[in-house]
């Protein structure tokens, strides 16, 4: 599988994992674990080989994008999102 195809599958695995509304009520650490394990299962189910390091790296990059996007907005004090410092 070439790099472009693998990145597309990583994207699909990530989107599939974060589309699960159950994670919205979890704390950051548990949310991260659920996303990581969901991605592993998705990729395995599609016969895509990815190391845990590759999956973690992909999650971190997506969290960084989210963090940058949210940095311009103020939301109530109770708002939390996956923090990159937890990974």
Protein backbone atom coordinates (compact mmCIF):
# COMPACT_ATOMS: atom_id res chain seq x y z
CA UNK A 1 0.00 0.00 0.00
CA UNK A 2 1.46 3.34 -0.95
CA UNK A 3 1.77 6.23 1.50
CA UNK A 4 -1.13 8.20 0.03
CA UNK A 5 -3.51 5.26 0.34
CA UNK A 6 -2.32 4.52 3.86
CA UNK A 7 -2.87 8.14 4.90
CA UNK A 8 -6.37 8.01 3.43
CA UNK A 9 -7.11 4.88 5.46
CA UNK A 10 -5.69 6.51 8.60
CA UNK A 11 -8.02 9.45 7.99
CA UNK A 12 -11.01 7.12 7.55
CA UNK A 13 -10.08 5.19 10.69
CA UNK A 14 -9.78 8.42 12.68
CA UNK A 15 -13.08 9.81 11.41
CA UNK A 16 -14.78 6.52 12.16
CA UNK A 17 -13.39 6.58 15.72
CA UNK A 18 -14.32 10.18 16.54
CA UNK A 19 -17.77 9.82 14.99
CA UNK A 20 -18.70 7.67 17.99
CA UNK A 21 -20.77 9.96 20.24
CA UNK A 22 -19.87 7.86 23.28
CA UNK A 23 -16.44 9.51 23.41
CA UNK A 24 -17.93 12.97 23.91
CA UNK A 25 -18.65 12.15 27.55
CA UNK A 26 -15.26 10.67 28.37
CA UNK A 27 -12.28 12.34 29.96
CA UNK A 28 -9.31 13.10 27.71
CA UNK A 29 -7.18 10.10 28.62
CA UNK A 30 -9.97 7.55 28.14
CA UNK A 31 -11.13 9.31 24.98
CA UNK A 32 -7.63 9.02 23.53
CA UNK A 33 -7.50 5.29 24.33
CA UNK A 34 -10.90 4.68 22.72
CA UNK A 35 -9.86 6.56 19.57
CA UNK A 36 -6.53 4.72 19.38
CA UNK A 37 -8.06 1.28 19.84
CA UNK A 38 -10.93 2.05 17.44
CA UNK A 39 -8.42 3.07 14.79
CA UNK A 40 -6.45 -0.14 15.31
CA UNK A 41 -9.58 -2.23 14.82
CA UNK A 42 -10.68 -0.28 11.76
CA UNK A 43 -7.30 -0.59 10.09
CA UNK A 44 -7.00 -4.27 10.95
CA UNK A 45 -10.48 -4.87 9.53
CA UNK A 46 -9.37 -3.25 6.27
CA UNK A 47 -6.06 -5.16 6.17
CA UNK A 48 -3.99 -2.01 6.65
CA UNK A 49 -0.78 -2.44 8.60
CA UNK A 50 0.03 0.49 10.86
CA UNK A 51 2.22 0.59 13.92
CA UNK A 52 0.93 1.95 17.18
CA UNK A 53 3.43 4.78 16.77
CA UNK A 54 1.92 5.72 13.40
CA UNK A 55 -1.56 5.73 14.90
CA UNK A 56 -0.47 7.83 17.88
CA UNK A 57 1.31 10.25 15.57
CA UNK A 58 -1.81 10.60 13.42
CA UNK A 59 -4.02 11.25 16.46
CA UNK A 60 -1.56 13.86 17.74
CA UNK A 61 -1.57 15.65 14.38
CA UNK A 62 -5.36 15.74 14.34
CA UNK A 63 -5.52 16.98 17.93
CA UNK A 64 -3.03 19.73 17.07
CA UNK A 65 -5.26 20.82 14.17
CA UNK A 66 -8.27 20.84 16.51
CA UNK A 67 -6.33 22.72 19.17
CA UNK A 68 -5.30 25.41 16.68
CA UNK A 69 -8.83 25.71 15.33
CA UNK A 70 -10.28 26.11 18.82
CA UNK A 71 -7.62 28.54 20.02
CA UNK A 72 -9.52 31.44 18.46
CA UNK A 73 -12.71 30.71 20.38
CA UNK A 74 -13.74 31.11 23.98
CA UNK A 75 -16.23 28.64 25.26
CA UNK A 76 -17.61 28.19 28.76
CA UNK A 77 -15.23 27.23 31.54
CA UNK A 78 -16.38 23.60 31.52
CA UNK A 79 -15.43 23.07 27.87
CA UNK A 80 -12.75 20.46 27.32
CA UNK A 81 -11.36 18.74 24.26
CA UNK A 82 -8.66 16.13 23.82
CA UNK A 83 -5.45 17.76 24.98
CA UNK A 84 -2.26 16.96 23.09
CA UNK A 85 -0.36 17.06 26.37
CA UNK A 86 -1.99 13.78 27.41
CA UNK A 87 -0.44 11.80 24.57
